[in-house]
Amino acid sequence: MQPFHTRFGIHVGEVVVGNLGSSERMNYTVLGNVVNLAARLEGLNKQYGTQILVSESVYQRIRHAFHCRFFDTVIAKGMAAETRVYELLNEIIEGHIANLSVSASSSNKLCQSEGAQKGYGQRK
């Protein structure tokens, strides 16, 4: 079976969650700037050639458990403030970095994303 590739944008904060609507039409949804930023981070993965991007808030919470690298500072669409963006690379287990996804293609993608990061930085 072919691997299923997906991208993630992760941010943390308070949101409104629940069934919204009327008795005729009800939707379970999540609302708030936190959701919007996470969605923007997910979208940036395609531009950067990455798979998992996290905000500064998430990075501060996970930096002791996961190896991340600073990737960029962005102003996400619809936001006024800059957000520092990190790429989540590996889990740290007992002081050693363990690969989240070990394959030649992952290693190649890491090199490509470093090139994309440099190219993106140069266009500013």
C-alpha atoms as a PDB file:
ATOM      1  CA  MET A   1       0.000   0.000   0.000  1.00  0.00           C
ATOM      2  CA  GLN A   2       1.245   3.493  -0.851  1.00  0.00           C
ATOM      3  CA  PRO A   3       2.033   5.770   2.107  1.00  0.00           C
ATOM      4  CA  PHE A   4      -0.474   8.540   2.731  1.00  0.00           C
ATOM      5  CA  HIS A   5       1.309  11.893   2.887  1.00  0.00           C
ATOM      6  CA  THR A   6      -0.315  14.771   4.716  1.00  0.00           C
ATOM      7  CA  ARG A   7       0.664  18.092   6.268  1.00  0.00           C
ATOM      8  CA  PHE A   8      -0.027  19.504   9.724  1.00  0.00           C
ATOM      9  CA  GLY A   9      -0.161  23.015  11.157  1.00  0.00           C
ATOM     10  CA  ILE A  10      -0.225  23.075  14.949  1.00  0.00           C
ATOM     11  CA  HIS A  11      -1.072  25.997  17.222  1.00  0.00           C
ATOM     12  CA  VAL A  12      -2.399  26.084  20.783  1.00  0.00           C
ATOM     13  CA  GLY A  13      -4.973  28.253  22.540  1.00  0.00           C
ATOM     14  CA  GLU A  14      -8.633  28.709  23.397  1.00  0.00           C
ATOM     15  CA  VAL A  15     -11.313  28.088  20.784  1.00  0.00           C
ATOM     16  CA  VAL A  16     -15.073  27.784  20.545  1.00  0.00           C
ATOM     17  CA  VAL A  17     -16.026  24.156  19.877  1.00  0.00           C
ATOM     18  CA  GLY A  18     -19.429  22.593  19.457  1.00  0.00           C
ATOM     19  CA  ASN A  19     -22.605  22.203  17.513  1.00  0.00           C
ATOM     20  CA  LEU A  20     -23.527  25.509  15.918  1.00  0.00           C
ATOM     21  CA  GLY A  21     -26.582  26.305  13.875  1.00  0.00           C
ATOM     22  CA  SER A  22     -30.314  25.865  14.058  1.00  0.00           C
ATOM     23  CA  SER A  23     -32.578  22.872  14.627  1.00  0.00           C
ATOM     24  CA  GLU A  24     -32.851  22.517  10.843  1.00  0.00           C
ATOM     25  CA  ARG A  25     -29.145  22.603  10.134  1.00  0.00           C
ATOM     26  CA  MET A  26     -26.493  21.788  12.721  1.00  0.00           C
ATOM     27  CA  ASN A  27     -22.707  21.666  12.221  1.00  0.00           C
ATOM     28  CA  TYR A  28     -19.997  20.578  14.636  1.00  0.00           C
ATOM     29  CA  THR A  29     -17.231  23.129  14.224  1.00  0.00           C
ATOM     30  CA  VAL A  30     -14.258  24.892  15.779  1.00  0.00           C
ATOM     31  CA  LEU A  31     -13.908  28.700  15.652  1.00  0.00           C
ATOM     32  CA  GLY A  32     -11.223  31.196  16.630  1.00  0.00           C
ATOM     33  CA  ASN A  33      -7.919  32.762  15.682  1.00  0.00           C
ATOM     34  CA  VAL A  34      -6.120  29.686  17.006  1.00  0.00           C
ATOM     35  CA  VAL A  35      -7.858  27.536  14.405  1.00  0.00           C
ATOM     36  CA  ASN A  36      -7.163  30.081  11.671  1.00  0.00           C
ATOM     37  CA  LEU A  37      -3.433  30.198  12.472  1.00  0.00           C
ATOM     38  CA  ALA A  38      -3.183  26.391  12.573  1.00  0.00           C
ATOM     39  CA  ALA A  39      -4.866  26.248   9.157  1.00  0.00           C
ATOM     40  CA  ARG A  40      -2.456  28.861   7.768  1.00  0.00           C
ATOM     41  CA  LEU A  41       0.518  26.901   9.114  1.00  0.00           C
ATOM     42  CA  GLU A  42      -0.824  23.759   7.469  1.00  0.00           C
ATOM     43  CA  GLY A  43      -1.031  25.640   4.182  1.00  0.00           C
ATOM     44  CA  LEU A  44       2.526  26.958   4.498  1.00  0.00           C
ATOM     45  CA  ASN A  45       3.806  23.372   4.494  1.00  0.00           C
ATOM     46  CA  LYS A  46       3.085  23.082   0.789  1.00  0.00           C
ATOM     47  CA  GLN A  47       4.933  26.329   0.060  1.00  0.00           C
ATOM     48  CA  TYR A  48       7.945  25.300   2.164  1.00  0.00           C
ATOM     49  CA  GLY A  49       7.995  21.602   1.238  1.00  0.00           C
ATOM     50  CA  THR A  50       7.581  20.599   4.901  1.00  0.00           C
ATOM     51  CA  GLN A  51       5.153  18.262   6.687  1.00  0.00           C
ATOM     52  CA  ILE A  52       4.707  19.624  10.226  1.00  0.00           C
ATOM     53  CA  LEU A  53       4.899  23.310  11.153  1.00  0.00           C
ATOM     54  CA  VAL A  54       4.261  24.581  14.674  1.00  0.00           C
ATOM     55  CA  SER A  55       3.840  28.060  16.115  1.00  0.00           C
ATOM     56  CA  GLU A  56       6.108  29.672  18.713  1.00  0.00           C
ATOM     57  CA  SER A  57       3.522  28.858  21.410  1.00  0.00           C
ATOM     58  CA  VAL A  58       3.646  25.165  20.577  1.00  0.00           C
ATOM     59  CA  TYR A  59       7.427  25.189  20.244  1.00  0.00           C
ATOM     60  CA  GLN A  60       7.806  26.614  23.768  1.00  0.00           C
ATOM     61  CA  ARG A  61       5.692  23.730  25.127  1.00  0.00           C
ATOM     62  CA  ILE A  62       7.388  20.888  23.200  1.00  0.00           C
ATOM     63  CA  ARG A  63      11.006  21.998  22.790  1.00  0.00           C
ATOM     64  CA  HIS A  64      12.254  19.596  25.481  1.00  0.00           C
ATOM     65  CA  ALA A  65      10.491  16.607  23.929  1.00  0.00           C
ATOM     66  CA  PHE A  66      10.867  17.309  20.200  1.00  0.00           C
ATOM     67  CA  HIS A  67      13.688  18.510  17.971  1.00  0.00           C
ATOM     68  CA  CYS A  68      12.464  21.533  16.013  1.00  0.00           C
ATOM     69  CA  ARG A  69      14.217  24.102  13.913  1.00  0.00           C
ATOM     70  CA  PHE A  70      13.290  27.709  13.425  1.00  0.00           C
ATOM     71  CA  PHE A  71      11.963  28.108   9.913  1.00  0.00           C
ATOM     72  CA  ASP A  72      10.587  31.599   9.395  1.00  0.00           C
ATOM     73  CA  THR A  73       8.689  34.537  10.837  1.00  0.00           C
ATOM     74  CA  VAL A  74       5.396  35.082   9.060  1.00  0.00           C
ATOM     75  CA  ILE A  75       2.317  37.248   9.269  1.00  0.00           C
ATOM     76  CA  ALA A  76      -0.435  34.771   8.499  1.00  0.00           C
ATOM     77  CA  LYS A  77      -3.319  35.886   6.313  1.00  0.00           C
ATOM     78  CA  GLY A  78      -5.901  37.636   8.473  1.00  0.00           C
ATOM     79  CA  MET A  79      -3.457  38.207  11.358  1.00  0.00           C
ATOM     80  CA  ALA A  80      -1.719  41.403  12.418  1.00  0.00           C
ATOM     81  CA  ALA A  81       1.094  39.959  14.542  1.00  0.00           C
ATOM     82  CA  GLU A  82       4.150  38.068  13.348  1.00  0.00           C
ATOM     83  CA  THR A  83       4.400  34.397  14.230  1.00  0.00           C
ATOM     84  CA  ARG A  84       7.670  32.498  14.533  1.00  0.00           C
ATOM     85  CA  VAL A  85       7.297  29.184  12.730  1.00  0.00           C
ATOM     86  CA  TYR A  86       9.218  25.995  13.519  1.00  0.00           C
ATOM     87  CA  GLU A  87       9.463  22.724  11.647  1.00  0.00           C
ATOM     88  CA  LEU A  88       8.951  19.715  13.891  1.00  0.00           C
ATOM     89  CA  LEU A  89      11.623  17.193  12.919  1.00  0.00           C
ATOM     90  CA  ASN A  90      12.131  14.431  15.489  1.00  0.00           C
ATOM     91  CA  GLU A  91      11.151  13.221  18.931  1.00  0.00           C
ATOM     92  CA  ILE A  92      13.771  13.325  21.689  1.00  0.00           C
ATOM     93  CA  ILE A  93      13.797  10.040  23.607  1.00  0.00           C
ATOM     94  CA  GLU A  94      16.049   9.736  26.665  1.00  0.00           C
ATOM     95  CA  GLY A  95      18.314  12.488  25.402  1.00  0.00           C
ATOM     96  CA  HIS A  96      18.638  11.019  21.891  1.00  0.00           C
ATOM     97  CA  ILE A  97      16.897  12.260  18.775  1.00  0.00           C
ATOM     98  CA  ALA A  98      14.632   9.600  17.248  1.00  0.00           C
ATOM     99  CA  ASN A  99      13.438   9.981  13.674  1.00  0.00           C
ATOM    100  CA  LEU A 100       9.689  10.465  13.281  1.00  0.00           C
ATOM    101  CA  SER A 101       9.851   9.203   9.702  1.00  0.00           C
ATOM    102  CA  VAL A 102      13.003   7.447   8.562  1.00  0.00           C
ATOM    103  CA  SER A 103      13.397   7.012   4.839  1.00  0.00           C
ATOM    104  CA  ALA A 104      15.618   8.181   2.021  1.00  0.00           C
ATOM    105  CA  SER A 105      12.766  10.291   0.677  1.00  0.00           C
ATOM    106  CA  SER A 106      12.335  11.990   4.086  1.00  0.00           C
ATOM    107  CA  SER A 107      16.025  12.810   4.203  1.00  0.00           C
ATOM    108  CA  ASN A 108      15.852  14.125   0.649  1.00  0.00           C
ATOM    109  CA  LYS A 109      12.787  16.224   1.526  1.00  0.00           C
ATOM    110  CA  LEU A 110      14.680  17.693   4.488  1.00  0.00           C
ATOM    111  CA  CYS A 111      17.450  18.831   2.149  1.00  0.00           C
ATOM    112  CA  GLN A 112      14.863  20.215  -0.265  1.00  0.00           C
ATOM    113  CA  SER A 113      13.071  22.081   2.522  1.00  0.00           C
ATOM    114  CA  GLU A 114      16.357  23.630   3.654  1.00  0.00           C
ATOM    115  CA  GLY A 115      16.825  24.866   0.093  1.00  0.00           C
ATOM    116  CA  ALA A 116      13.253  26.160   0.038  1.00  0.00           C
ATOM    117  CA  GLN A 117      13.841  27.953   3.328  1.00  0.00           C
ATOM    118  CA  LYS A 118      16.958  29.680   1.971  1.00  0.00           C
ATOM    119  CA  GLY A 119      15.187  30.606  -1.255  1.00  0.00           C
ATOM    120  CA  TYR A 120      12.168  31.953   0.591  1.00  0.00           C
ATOM    121  CA  GLY A 121      14.368  34.005   2.908  1.00  0.00           C
ATOM    122  CA  GLN A 122      16.227  35.525  -0.030  1.00  0.00           C
ATOM    123  CA  ARG A 123      13.048  36.775  -1.687  1.00  0.00           C
ATOM    124  CA  LYS A 124      12.184  39.081   1.235  1.00  0.00           C
END
